[in-house]
Amino acid sequence: MHISYLADARSPIARNWISYFAASGKHRVTVISSYPCAADAIPGARVIEFPFALSSLSRSPMNGNAGHESNFLNRILAEFRSGRLLEPSNRLRSWIAPMDIERKTRAMTALIHDLKPDLVHAMRLPFEGFLAAAAVKTVPLLISIWGNDFTLFADRSRRLGELADAALLRADGLHCDCRRDLKAAFARGFSQTKPWRVLPGNGGIQTDEYFKAKPDPDLLREFGIPEGVPLIVNPRGFRVYIRNDNFFRAIPLVLKEFPRAFFVATGMAGNPVAERWIRHTHVKNSIVFCLSSTESSWQLCLRPVRSRFRLVPMMELRTLCSRPWRADASRLWET
């Protein structure tokens, strides 16, 4: 089977899901990436860049990093993605994205026609699902949805809501990671007679990556982390809905009770917003920033933390770190 994914190929969730099928050898896999990315972002898959809805402005890693070669333009873009200009940029994107989707629909239809896939899988509703619903005419279309697709995007404006409803009507199949989102999709028009599944959105947990081990002293030295300290990892980076202001404000309070605690924040290296918070909270000596795309940062999160701390459910973390009016307690009951 030839599967074409319309996804952000930089996303660890998308890569984890797609990599399973690309590595199986049973399927031909093409990834149409909605964001600029490396051609080898997903081994075994052909990756085609197709940026739209202002995503072409992003030439840095996810989460708003300014990158190693930080310059004035990169810092301004980081402010748009995660700083003082975040809200205006969100409003601007909500207005421009629908128009850009209309403008890119014909090109996407032609690309799908040339690729001739057996199945198209849009891995989130905004904005990949919106474009796929408009462009995919005859090929079966599967759409993955998340709670924020509705509460953070579809409800932001009438036009985005209309695009969400149209995509759910067009979809031939639906994937979500909790039943709360399935109920919301049914309420917005997805037919209950069509195929649907509730599955872990990141492709599940790869248990072979979880192991008991002592902290790696070489890795700790690489990141400048003292040995034997309580290590606290923030793996979320910058997202529209994550309250990193609360995270940074909490650090001095934690240090007051646990002076030896040390913080690691992935996806924040080179981000001017994160650097500003460090200056304001005076915790420079108790935190290190990592690029989420580096191998070492993932090893850092996996090796020391797994052996010494319990895992907290991701939805619990999201609820604690999300905007209060976005969090939905019903999602916490999912098991």
C-alpha atoms as a PDB file:
ATOM      1  CA  MET A   1       0.000   0.000   0.000  1.00  0.00           C
ATOM      2  CA  HIS A   2       1.140   3.518  -0.779  1.00  0.00           C
ATOM      3  CA  ILE A   3       0.408   5.838   2.167  1.00  0.00           C
ATOM      4  CA  SER A   4       0.796   9.594   1.841  1.00  0.00           C
ATOM      5  CA  TYR A   5       0.986  11.514   5.102  1.00  0.00           C
ATOM      6  CA  LEU A   6       0.254  15.214   5.318  1.00  0.00           C
ATOM      7  CA  ALA A   7       2.044  16.190   8.511  1.00  0.00           C
ATOM      8  CA  ASP A   8       4.665  18.350  10.155  1.00  0.00           C
ATOM      9  CA  ALA A   9       7.671  16.108   9.559  1.00  0.00           C
ATOM     10  CA  ARG A  10       9.614  17.874  12.324  1.00  0.00           C
ATOM     11  CA  SER A  11       7.176  16.627  14.952  1.00  0.00           C
ATOM     12  CA  PRO A  12       8.409  13.718  17.138  1.00  0.00           C
ATOM     13  CA  ILE A  13       4.819  12.427  17.319  1.00  0.00           C
ATOM     14  CA  ALA A  14       4.441  12.399  13.524  1.00  0.00           C
ATOM     15  CA  ARG A  15       7.870  10.865  13.034  1.00  0.00           C
ATOM     16  CA  ASN A  16       7.218   8.125  15.584  1.00  0.00           C
ATOM     17  CA  TRP A  17       3.906   7.179  13.988  1.00  0.00           C
ATOM     18  CA  ILE A  18       5.108   7.322  10.382  1.00  0.00           C
ATOM     19  CA  SER A  19       8.437   5.608  11.076  1.00  0.00           C
ATOM     20  CA  TYR A  20       6.683   2.405  12.092  1.00  0.00           C
ATOM     21  CA  PHE A  21       5.100   2.042   8.658  1.00  0.00           C
ATOM     22  CA  ALA A  22       8.166   3.321   6.799  1.00  0.00           C
ATOM     23  CA  ALA A  23      10.435   0.806   8.555  1.00  0.00           C
ATOM     24  CA  SER A  24       8.085  -2.146   8.166  1.00  0.00           C
ATOM     25  CA  GLY A  25       8.955  -2.600   4.496  1.00  0.00           C
ATOM     26  CA  LYS A  26       5.338  -3.456   3.786  1.00  0.00           C
ATOM     27  CA  HIS A  27       4.290  -0.024   2.589  1.00  0.00           C
ATOM     28  CA  ARG A  28       5.507   2.733   0.342  1.00  0.00           C
ATOM     29  CA  VAL A  29       5.470   5.905   2.427  1.00  0.00           C
ATOM     30  CA  THR A  30       5.446   9.508   1.221  1.00  0.00           C
ATOM     31  CA  VAL A  31       5.393  12.407   3.682  1.00  0.00           C
ATOM     32  CA  ILE A  32       4.123  15.780   2.494  1.00  0.00           C
ATOM     33  CA  SER A  33       5.536  18.056   5.170  1.00  0.00           C
ATOM     34  CA  SER A  34       3.614  21.197   6.018  1.00  0.00           C
ATOM     35  CA  TYR A  35       6.808  22.719   7.468  1.00  0.00           C
ATOM     36  CA  PRO A  36      10.320  23.012   6.063  1.00  0.00           C
ATOM     37  CA  CYS A  37      12.381  20.009   7.142  1.00  0.00           C
ATOM     38  CA  ALA A  38      15.297  17.803   6.180  1.00  0.00           C
ATOM     39  CA  ALA A  39      14.827  15.410   3.289  1.00  0.00           C
ATOM     40  CA  ASP A  40      15.904  12.527   5.530  1.00  0.00           C
ATOM     41  CA  ALA A  41      13.711  13.526   8.462  1.00  0.00           C
ATOM     42  CA  ILE A  42      11.977  10.124   8.402  1.00  0.00           C
ATOM     43  CA  PRO A  43      14.199   7.226   7.259  1.00  0.00           C
ATOM     44  CA  GLY A  44      12.545   4.987   4.720  1.00  0.00           C
ATOM     45  CA  ALA A  45      10.057   7.634   3.624  1.00  0.00           C
ATOM     46  CA  ARG A  46      10.126  10.098   0.767  1.00  0.00           C
ATOM     47  CA  VAL A  47       9.685  13.603   2.202  1.00  0.00           C
ATOM     48  CA  ILE A  48       8.244  16.439   0.115  1.00  0.00           C
ATOM     49  CA  GLU A  49       8.106  19.973   1.504  1.00  0.00           C
ATOM     50  CA  PHE A  50       4.781  21.713   0.985  1.00  0.00           C
ATOM     51  CA  PRO A  51       4.684  24.681   3.391  1.00  0.00           C
ATOM     52  CA  PHE A  52       1.484  26.678   3.767  1.00  0.00           C
ATOM     53  CA  ALA A  53      -0.389  28.840   6.290  1.00  0.00           C
ATOM     54  CA  LEU A  54       2.768  30.876   7.061  1.00  0.00           C
ATOM     55  CA  SER A  55       4.800  27.772   7.904  1.00  0.00           C
ATOM     56  CA  SER A  56       7.390  28.756   5.286  1.00  0.00           C
ATOM     57  CA  LEU A  57       8.571  31.416   7.751  1.00  0.00           C
ATOM     58  CA  SER A  58       9.864  28.639  10.000  1.00  0.00           C
ATOM     59  CA  ARG A  59      13.386  27.584   9.106  1.00  0.00           C
ATOM     60  CA  SER A  60      14.325  26.651  12.648  1.00  0.00           C
ATOM     61  CA  PRO A  61      13.504  23.643  14.827  1.00  0.00           C
ATOM     62  CA  MET A  62      10.148  23.317  16.559  1.00  0.00           C
ATOM     63  CA  ASN A  63       9.112  25.193  19.704  1.00  0.00           C
ATOM     64  CA  GLY A  64      10.265  28.648  18.630  1.00  0.00           C
ATOM     65  CA  ASN A  65      14.034  28.232  18.825  1.00  0.00           C
ATOM     66  CA  ALA A  66      16.069  31.018  17.325  1.00  0.00           C
ATOM     67  CA  GLY A  67      18.789  28.539  16.436  1.00  0.00           C
ATOM     68  CA  HIS A  68      22.537  28.574  16.928  1.00  0.00           C
ATOM     69  CA  GLU A  69      23.054  31.273  14.323  1.00  0.00           C
ATOM     70  CA  SER A  70      20.758  33.722  16.050  1.00  0.00           C
ATOM     71  CA  ASN A  71      20.287  37.017  14.282  1.00  0.00           C
ATOM     72  CA  PHE A  72      17.763  39.833  14.381  1.00  0.00           C
ATOM     73  CA  LEU A  73      15.304  38.133  11.988  1.00  0.00           C
ATOM     74  CA  ASN A  74      15.452  34.826  13.872  1.00  0.00           C
ATOM     75  CA  ARG A  75      14.782  36.570  17.177  1.00  0.00           C
ATOM     76  CA  ILE A  76      11.805  38.426  15.734  1.00  0.00           C
ATOM     77  CA  LEU A  77      10.404  35.148  14.382  1.00  0.00           C
ATOM     78  CA  ALA A  78      10.899  33.542  17.786  1.00  0.00           C
ATOM     79  CA  GLU A  79       8.899  36.365  19.362  1.00  0.00           C
ATOM     80  CA  PHE A  80       6.129  35.675  16.835  1.00  0.00           C
ATOM     81  CA  ARG A  81       6.150  31.971  17.675  1.00  0.00           C
ATOM     82  CA  SER A  82       6.498  32.115  21.450  1.00  0.00           C
ATOM     83  CA  GLY A  83       6.909  35.605  22.839  1.00  0.00           C
ATOM     84  CA  ARG A  84       5.341  39.032  23.025  1.00  0.00           C
ATOM     85  CA  LEU A  85       4.063  38.826  19.444  1.00  0.00           C
ATOM     86  CA  LEU A  86       2.459  35.396  19.891  1.00  0.00           C
ATOM     87  CA  GLU A  87      -1.148  36.531  20.244  1.00  0.00           C
ATOM     88  CA  PRO A  88      -1.036  38.951  17.276  1.00  0.00           C
ATOM     89  CA  SER A  89       0.647  36.277  15.155  1.00  0.00           C
ATOM     90  CA  ASN A  90      -2.051  33.750  16.101  1.00  0.00           C
ATOM     91  CA  ARG A  91      -4.792  36.171  15.058  1.00  0.00           C
ATOM     92  CA  LEU A  92      -2.938  36.924  11.826  1.00  0.00           C
ATOM     93  CA  ARG A  93      -2.519  33.228  11.054  1.00  0.00           C
ATOM     94  CA  SER A  94      -6.194  32.532  11.775  1.00  0.00           C
ATOM     95  CA  TRP A  95      -7.067  35.142   9.161  1.00  0.00           C
ATOM     96  CA  ILE A  96      -4.429  34.262   6.552  1.00  0.00           C
ATOM     97  CA  ALA A  97      -4.443  30.441   6.829  1.00  0.00           C
ATOM     98  CA  PRO A  98      -7.905  29.894   5.277  1.00  0.00           C
ATOM     99  CA  MET A  99      -6.980  32.079   2.310  1.00  0.00           C
ATOM    100  CA  ASP A 100      -3.669  30.275   1.858  1.00  0.00           C
ATOM    101  CA  ILE A 101      -5.421  26.905   2.013  1.00  0.00           C
ATOM    102  CA  GLU A 102      -7.710  28.014  -0.826  1.00  0.00           C
ATOM    103  CA  ARG A 103      -4.683  29.228  -2.767  1.00  0.00           C
ATOM    104  CA  LYS A 104      -2.760  25.944  -2.286  1.00  0.00           C
ATOM    105  CA  THR A 105      -5.656  23.515  -2.823  1.00  0.00           C
ATOM    106  CA  ARG A 106      -5.141  23.105  -6.566  1.00  0.00           C
ATOM    107  CA  ALA A 107      -1.402  22.442  -6.167  1.00  0.00           C
ATOM    108  CA  MET A 108      -2.061  19.864  -3.443  1.00  0.00           C
ATOM    109  CA  THR A 109      -4.691  18.145  -5.599  1.00  0.00           C
ATOM    110  CA  ALA A 110      -2.175  17.918  -8.443  1.00  0.00           C
ATOM    111  CA  LEU A 111       0.494  16.532  -6.109  1.00  0.00           C
ATOM    112  CA  ILE A 112      -1.843  13.845  -4.779  1.00  0.00           C
ATOM    113  CA  HIS A 113      -2.816  12.971  -8.363  1.00  0.00           C
ATOM    114  CA  ASP A 114       0.842  12.552  -9.319  1.00  0.00           C
ATOM    115  CA  LEU A 115       1.686  10.476  -6.229  1.00  0.00           C
ATOM    116  CA  LYS A 116      -1.340   8.178  -6.659  1.00  0.00           C
ATOM    117  CA  PRO A 117      -1.493   7.011  -3.032  1.00  0.00           C
ATOM    118  CA  ASP A 118      -3.911   4.389  -1.803  1.00  0.00           C
ATOM    119  CA  LEU A 119      -4.545   6.375   1.379  1.00  0.00           C
ATOM    120  CA  VAL A 120      -3.938   9.943   2.558  1.00  0.00           C
ATOM    121  CA  HIS A 121      -3.478  10.496   6.291  1.00  0.00           C
ATOM    122  CA  ALA A 122      -3.627  14.085   7.585  1.00  0.00           C
ATOM    123  CA  MET A 123      -2.082  13.902  11.044  1.00  0.00           C
ATOM    124  CA  ARG A 124      -3.942  16.825  12.599  1.00  0.00           C
ATOM    125  CA  LEU A 125      -6.948  18.944  11.794  1.00  0.00           C
ATOM    126  CA  PRO A 126      -5.417  22.437  11.605  1.00  0.00           C
ATOM    127  CA  PHE A 127      -4.116  23.015   9.151  1.00  0.00           C
ATOM    128  CA  GLU A 128      -3.160  19.784   7.401  1.00  0.00           C
ATOM    129  CA  GLY A 129      -6.649  18.296   7.731  1.00  0.00           C
ATOM    130  CA  PHE A 130      -8.218  21.468   6.378  1.00  0.00           C
ATOM    131  CA  LEU A 131      -6.065  21.382   3.248  1.00  0.00           C
ATOM    132  CA  ALA A 132      -6.413  17.620   2.754  1.00  0.00           C
ATOM    133  CA  ALA A 133     -10.204  17.806   2.983  1.00  0.00           C
ATOM    134  CA  ALA A 134     -10.268  20.466   0.274  1.00  0.00           C
ATOM    135  CA  ALA A 135      -7.653  18.871  -1.994  1.00  0.00           C
ATOM    136  CA  VAL A 136      -8.087  15.093  -1.753  1.00  0.00           C
ATOM    137  CA  LYS A 137     -10.897  14.282  -4.161  1.00  0.00           C
ATOM    138  CA  THR A 138     -10.998  10.536  -4.823  1.00  0.00           C
ATOM    139  CA  VAL A 139      -8.491   8.891  -2.480  1.00  0.00           C
ATOM    140  CA  PRO A 140      -9.656   7.695   0.973  1.00  0.00           C
ATOM    141  CA  LEU A 141      -8.790  10.294   3.616  1.00  0.00           C
ATOM    142  CA  LEU A 142      -7.926   9.532   7.239  1.00  0.00           C
ATOM    143  CA  ILE A 143      -7.635  12.433   9.685  1.00  0.00           C
ATOM    144  CA  SER A 144      -6.098  12.409  13.162  1.00  0.00           C
ATOM    145  CA  ILE A 145      -7.533  14.880  15.671  1.00  0.00           C
ATOM    146  CA  TRP A 146      -6.481  16.248  19.055  1.00  0.00           C
ATOM    147  CA  GLY A 147      -8.384  18.159  21.730  1.00  0.00           C
ATOM    148  CA  ASN A 148      -6.596  21.396  20.893  1.00  0.00           C
ATOM    149  CA  ASP A 149      -7.746  21.068  17.293  1.00  0.00           C
ATOM    150  CA  PHE A 150     -11.200  22.023  18.538  1.00  0.00           C
ATOM    151  CA  THR A 151     -10.692  24.163  21.650  1.00  0.00           C
ATOM    152  CA  LEU A 152      -7.650  26.094  20.484  1.00  0.00           C
ATOM    153  CA  PHE A 153      -8.192  26.341  16.729  1.00  0.00           C
ATOM    154  CA  ALA A 154     -11.691  25.480  15.518  1.00  0.00           C
ATOM    155  CA  ASP A 155     -13.267  27.714  18.160  1.00  0.00           C
ATOM    156  CA  ARG A 156     -10.922  30.616  17.452  1.00  0.00           C
ATOM    157  CA  SER A 157     -12.959  31.996  14.561  1.00  0.00           C
ATOM    158  CA  ARG A 158     -16.074  31.221  12.572  1.00  0.00           C
ATOM    159  CA  ARG A 159     -14.054  30.491   9.424  1.00  0.00           C
ATOM    160  CA  LEU A 160     -11.747  28.018  11.175  1.00  0.00           C
ATOM    161  CA  GLY A 161     -14.804  26.340  12.671  1.00  0.00           C
ATOM    162  CA  GLU A 162     -16.310  25.979   9.221  1.00  0.00           C
ATOM    163  CA  LEU A 163     -13.099  24.422   7.897  1.00  0.00           C
ATOM    164  CA  ALA A 164     -13.025  21.987  10.827  1.00  0.00           C
ATOM    165  CA  ASP A 165     -16.624  20.901  10.221  1.00  0.00           C
ATOM    166  CA  ALA A 166     -16.017  20.520   6.477  1.00  0.00           C
ATOM    167  CA  ALA A 167     -12.933  18.375   7.113  1.00  0.00           C
ATOM    168  CA  LEU A 168     -14.832  16.077   9.476  1.00  0.00           C
ATOM    169  CA  LEU A 169     -17.613  15.693   6.904  1.00  0.00           C
ATOM    170  CA  ARG A 170     -15.070  14.856   4.179  1.00  0.00           C
ATOM    171  CA  ALA A 171     -12.970  12.397   6.223  1.00  0.00           C
ATOM    172  CA  ASP A 172     -13.455   8.721   5.421  1.00  0.00           C
ATOM    173  CA  GLY A 173     -11.874   7.650   8.718  1.00  0.00           C
ATOM    174  CA  LEU A 174     -10.954   9.236  12.031  1.00  0.00           C
ATOM    175  CA  HIS A 175      -8.224   8.659  14.592  1.00  0.00           C
ATOM    176  CA  CYS A 176      -8.140  10.305  18.015  1.00  0.00           C
ATOM    177  CA  ASP A 177      -6.325   9.576  21.272  1.00  0.00           C
ATOM    178  CA  CYS A 178      -9.283   9.855  23.675  1.00  0.00           C
ATOM    179  CA  ARG A 179     -13.042   9.374  23.565  1.00  0.00           C
ATOM    180  CA  ARG A 180     -13.708  12.948  24.546  1.00  0.00           C
ATOM    181  CA  ASP A 181     -12.349  14.065  21.156  1.00  0.00           C
ATOM    182  CA  LEU A 182     -14.370  11.368  19.393  1.00  0.00           C
ATOM    183  CA  LYS A 183     -17.569  12.720  20.953  1.00  0.00           C
ATOM    184  CA  ALA A 184     -16.586  16.245  19.898  1.00  0.00           C
ATOM    185  CA  ALA A 185     -15.985  15.038  16.324  1.00  0.00           C
ATOM    186  CA  PHE A 186     -19.403  13.362  16.223  1.00  0.00           C
ATOM    187  CA  ALA A 187     -20.977  16.595  17.489  1.00  0.00           C
ATOM    188  CA  ARG A 188     -19.266  18.542  14.695  1.00  0.00           C
ATOM    189  CA  GLY A 189     -20.510  16.273  11.920  1.00  0.00           C
ATOM    190  CA  PHE A 190     -18.274  13.218  11.577  1.00  0.00           C
ATOM    191  CA  SER A 191     -20.524  10.286  10.743  1.00  0.00           C
ATOM    192  CA  GLN A 192     -20.730   7.573  13.407  1.00  0.00           C
ATOM    193  CA  THR A 193     -21.099   5.013  10.613  1.00  0.00           C
ATOM    194  CA  LYS A 194     -17.583   5.709   9.283  1.00  0.00           C
ATOM    195  CA  PRO A 195     -14.475   3.929  10.608  1.00  0.00           C
ATOM    196  CA  TRP A 196     -12.879   5.410  13.718  1.00  0.00           C
ATOM    197  CA  ARG A 197     -10.322   4.317  16.304  1.00  0.00           C
ATOM    198  CA  VAL A 198      -9.094   5.629  19.653  1.00  0.00           C
ATOM    199  CA  LEU A 199      -5.338   4.930  19.783  1.00  0.00           C
ATOM    200  CA  PRO A 200      -2.222   6.496  21.327  1.00  0.00           C
ATOM    201  CA  GLY A 201      -1.452   9.420  19.065  1.00  0.00           C
ATOM    202  CA  ASN A 202       2.312   9.059  19.104  1.00  0.00           C
ATOM    203  CA  GLY A 203       2.211   5.480  17.888  1.00  0.00           C
ATOM    204  CA  GLY A 204       2.437   4.006  21.375  1.00  0.00           C
ATOM    205  CA  ILE A 205       5.271   3.530  23.829  1.00  0.00           C
ATOM    206  CA  GLN A 206       8.419   1.829  22.586  1.00  0.00           C
ATOM    207  CA  THR A 207       9.278  -0.212  25.657  1.00  0.00           C
ATOM    208  CA  ASP A 208      12.725  -1.133  24.361  1.00  0.00           C
ATOM    209  CA  GLU A 209      13.758   2.520  24.852  1.00  0.00           C
ATOM    210  CA  TYR A 210      12.873   2.414  28.552  1.00  0.00           C
ATOM    211  CA  PHE A 211      15.515   0.837  30.740  1.00  0.00           C
ATOM    212  CA  LYS A 212      16.955   1.080  34.222  1.00  0.00           C
ATOM    213  CA  ALA A 213      20.351   2.714  34.257  1.00  0.00           C
ATOM    214  CA  LYS A 214      22.451   5.032  36.345  1.00  0.00           C
ATOM    215  CA  PRO A 215      22.858   8.640  35.208  1.00  0.00           C
ATOM    216  CA  ASP A 216      25.509   8.989  32.525  1.00  0.00           C
ATOM    217  CA  PRO A 217      28.273  11.239  33.983  1.00  0.00           C
ATOM    218  CA  ASP A 218      29.642  12.083  30.535  1.00  0.00           C
ATOM    219  CA  LEU A 219      26.236  13.225  29.371  1.00  0.00           C
ATOM    220  CA  LEU A 220      25.688  15.250  32.517  1.00  0.00           C
ATOM    221  CA  ARG A 221      29.040  16.975  32.035  1.00  0.00           C
ATOM    222  CA  GLU A 222      28.167  17.677  28.396  1.00  0.00           C
ATOM    223  CA  PHE A 223      25.150  19.681  29.527  1.00  0.00           C
ATOM    224  CA  GLY A 224      26.816  21.195  32.597  1.00  0.00           C
ATOM    225  CA  ILE A 225      24.549  19.408  35.079  1.00  0.00           C
ATOM    226  CA  PRO A 226      25.953  18.632  38.547  1.00  0.00           C
ATOM    227  CA  GLU A 227      25.940  14.972  39.542  1.00  0.00           C
ATOM    228  CA  GLY A 228      23.581  13.750  42.245  1.00  0.00           C
ATOM    229  CA  VAL A 229      21.122  16.640  42.082  1.00  0.00           C
ATOM    230  CA  PRO A 230      17.337  16.267  41.810  1.00  0.00           C
ATOM    231  CA  LEU A 231      16.710  16.636  38.065  1.00  0.00           C
ATOM    232  CA  ILE A 232      13.490  18.182  36.765  1.00  0.00           C
ATOM    233  CA  VAL A 233      12.818  18.001  33.008  1.00  0.00           C
ATOM    234  CA  ASN A 234      10.371  20.155  31.064  1.00  0.00           C
ATOM    235  CA  PRO A 235      10.024  18.304  27.721  1.00  0.00           C
ATOM    236  CA  ARG A 236       7.282  20.456  26.186  1.00  0.00           C
ATOM    237  CA  GLY A 237       9.213  23.362  24.723  1.00  0.00           C
ATOM    238  CA  PHE A 238       7.126  26.273  23.448  1.00  0.00           C
ATOM    239  CA  ARG A 239       3.557  25.773  22.273  1.00  0.00           C
ATOM    240  CA  VAL A 240       0.701  28.222  21.913  1.00  0.00           C
ATOM    241  CA  TYR A 241      -1.182  26.610  24.785  1.00  0.00           C
ATOM    242  CA  ILE A 242       1.696  25.908  27.217  1.00  0.00           C
ATOM    243  CA  ARG A 243       2.044  28.303  30.154  1.00  0.00           C
ATOM    244  CA  ASN A 244       5.823  28.469  30.268  1.00  0.00           C
ATOM    245  CA  ASP A 245       5.499  31.728  32.197  1.00  0.00           C
ATOM    246  CA  ASN A 246       4.154  29.640  35.087  1.00  0.00           C
ATOM    247  CA  PHE A 247       6.998  27.163  34.648  1.00  0.00           C
ATOM    248  CA  PHE A 248       9.645  29.870  34.972  1.00  0.00           C
ATOM    249  CA  ARG A 249       7.832  31.578  37.861  1.00  0.00           C
ATOM    250  CA  ALA A 250       7.714  28.239  39.703  1.00  0.00           C
ATOM    251  CA  ILE A 251      11.466  27.632  39.530  1.00  0.00           C
ATOM    252  CA  PRO A 252      12.420  30.072  42.336  1.00  0.00           C
ATOM    253  CA  LEU A 253       9.664  28.581  44.528  1.00  0.00           C
ATOM    254  CA  VAL A 254      11.006  25.060  43.967  1.00  0.00           C
ATOM    255  CA  LEU A 255      14.581  26.176  44.632  1.00  0.00           C
ATOM    256  CA  LYS A 256      13.480  27.739  47.898  1.00  0.00           C
ATOM    257  CA  GLU A 257      12.353  24.307  49.125  1.00  0.00           C
ATOM    258  CA  PHE A 258      14.945  22.238  47.208  1.00  0.00           C
ATOM    259  CA  PRO A 259      18.053  24.423  46.673  1.00  0.00           C
ATOM    260  CA  ARG A 260      19.988  21.653  44.871  1.00  0.00           C
ATOM    261  CA  ALA A 261      17.276  21.029  42.267  1.00  0.00           C
ATOM    262  CA  PHE A 262      18.336  21.446  38.634  1.00  0.00           C
ATOM    263  CA  PHE A 263      16.062  22.068  35.650  1.00  0.00           C
ATOM    264  CA  VAL A 264      16.395  20.947  32.040  1.00  0.00           C
ATOM    265  CA  ALA A 265      14.141  22.519  29.394  1.00  0.00           C
ATOM    266  CA  THR A 266      14.163  20.959  25.931  1.00  0.00           C
ATOM    267  CA  GLY A 267      13.275  22.909  22.813  1.00  0.00           C
ATOM    268  CA  MET A 268      14.282  26.244  24.342  1.00  0.00           C
ATOM    269  CA  ALA A 269      17.938  26.680  23.378  1.00  0.00           C
ATOM    270  CA  GLY A 270      18.457  30.034  21.716  1.00  0.00           C
ATOM    271  CA  ASN A 271      14.885  31.176  22.377  1.00  0.00           C
ATOM    272  CA  PRO A 272      14.887  34.860  23.381  1.00  0.00           C
ATOM    273  CA  VAL A 273      11.671  34.461  25.377  1.00  0.00           C
ATOM    274  CA  ALA A 274      13.211  31.741  27.546  1.00  0.00           C
ATOM    275  CA  GLU A 275      16.392  33.770  27.954  1.00  0.00           C
ATOM    276  CA  ARG A 276      14.339  36.760  29.088  1.00  0.00           C
ATOM    277  CA  TRP A 277      12.546  34.691  31.722  1.00  0.00           C
ATOM    278  CA  ILE A 278      15.887  33.431  33.047  1.00  0.00           C
ATOM    279  CA  ARG A 279      17.075  36.998  33.485  1.00  0.00           C
ATOM    280  CA  HIS A 280      13.849  37.985  35.252  1.00  0.00           C
ATOM    281  CA  THR A 281      13.813  35.020  37.636  1.00  0.00           C
ATOM    282  CA  HIS A 282      17.583  34.970  38.338  1.00  0.00           C
ATOM    283  CA  VAL A 283      17.870  31.166  38.022  1.00  0.00           C
ATOM    284  CA  LYS A 284      20.584  30.989  35.386  1.00  0.00           C
ATOM    285  CA  ASN A 285      22.767  28.649  37.452  1.00  0.00           C
ATOM    286  CA  SER A 286      19.953  26.147  38.016  1.00  0.00           C
ATOM    287  CA  ILE A 287      18.713  25.496  34.491  1.00  0.00           C
ATOM    288  CA  VAL A 288      20.031  24.397  31.116  1.00  0.00           C
ATOM    289  CA  PHE A 289      18.303  24.666  27.740  1.00  0.00           C
ATOM    290  CA  CYS A 290      18.523  21.974  25.048  1.00  0.00           C
ATOM    291  CA  LEU A 291      17.538  21.768  21.414  1.00  0.00           C
ATOM    292  CA  SER A 292      14.769  19.179  21.198  1.00  0.00           C
ATOM    293  CA  SER A 293      16.114  17.936  17.872  1.00  0.00           C
ATOM    294  CA  THR A 294      19.476  16.799  19.240  1.00  0.00           C
ATOM    295  CA  GLU A 295      20.186  13.183  20.094  1.00  0.00           C
ATOM    296  CA  SER A 296      21.821  14.110  23.394  1.00  0.00           C
ATOM    297  CA  SER A 297      18.818  15.991  24.744  1.00  0.00           C
ATOM    298  CA  TRP A 298      16.607  12.943  24.289  1.00  0.00           C
ATOM    299  CA  GLN A 299      19.216  10.734  25.951  1.00  0.00           C
ATOM    300  CA  LEU A 300      19.394  13.187  28.813  1.00  0.00           C
ATOM    301  CA  CYS A 301      15.656  12.950  29.341  1.00  0.00           C
ATOM    302  CA  LEU A 302      15.642   9.166  29.043  1.00  0.00           C
ATOM    303  CA  ARG A 303      18.652   7.968  31.007  1.00  0.00           C
ATOM    304  CA  PRO A 304      18.784   9.742  34.384  1.00  0.00           C
ATOM    305  CA  VAL A 305      15.083  10.455  34.767  1.00  0.00           C
ATOM    306  CA  ARG A 306      13.807   6.976  34.017  1.00  0.00           C
ATOM    307  CA  SER A 307      15.875   5.409  36.754  1.00  0.00           C
ATOM    308  CA  ARG A 308      14.989   7.881  39.498  1.00  0.00           C
ATOM    309  CA  PHE A 309      11.531   9.373  38.940  1.00  0.00           C
ATOM    310  CA  ARG A 310       8.058   8.050  38.251  1.00  0.00           C
ATOM    311  CA  LEU A 311       6.418   8.905  34.937  1.00  0.00           C
ATOM    312  CA  VAL A 312       3.553  11.399  35.129  1.00  0.00           C
ATOM    313  CA  PRO A 313       0.675  10.917  32.649  1.00  0.00           C
ATOM    314  CA  MET A 314       1.156  13.306  29.721  1.00  0.00           C
ATOM    315  CA  MET A 315      -2.402  14.609  29.936  1.00  0.00           C
ATOM    316  CA  GLU A 316      -1.793  15.521  33.575  1.00  0.00           C
ATOM    317  CA  LEU A 317       1.301  17.478  32.579  1.00  0.00           C
ATOM    318  CA  ARG A 318      -0.554  19.190  29.751  1.00  0.00           C
ATOM    319  CA  THR A 319      -3.371  20.172  32.063  1.00  0.00           C
ATOM    320  CA  LEU A 320      -0.960  21.585  34.625  1.00  0.00           C
ATOM    321  CA  CYS A 321       0.933  23.578  31.992  1.00  0.00           C
ATOM    322  CA  SER A 322      -1.901  24.612  29.673  1.00  0.00           C
ATOM    323  CA  ARG A 323      -3.994  27.720  29.731  1.00  0.00           C
ATOM    324  CA  PRO A 324      -6.570  27.212  32.491  1.00  0.00           C
ATOM    325  CA  TRP A 325      -9.529  27.794  30.182  1.00  0.00           C
ATOM    326  CA  ARG A 326      -8.227  25.273  27.662  1.00  0.00           C
ATOM    327  CA  ALA A 327      -7.810  22.377  30.080  1.00  0.00           C
ATOM    328  CA  ASP A 328     -10.724  19.928  30.123  1.00  0.00           C
ATOM    329  CA  ALA A 329     -10.854  17.758  33.229  1.00  0.00           C
ATOM    330  CA  SER A 330     -12.804  15.070  31.366  1.00  0.00           C
ATOM    331  CA  ARG A 331      -9.627  14.170  29.452  1.00  0.00           C
ATOM    332  CA  LEU A 332      -7.868  13.225  32.693  1.00  0.00           C
ATOM    333  CA  TRP A 333     -10.180  10.268  33.162  1.00  0.00           C
ATOM    334  CA  GLU A 334      -8.887   8.581  30.013  1.00  0.00           C
ATOM    335  CA  THR A 335      -6.761   5.526  30.738  1.00  0.00           C
END
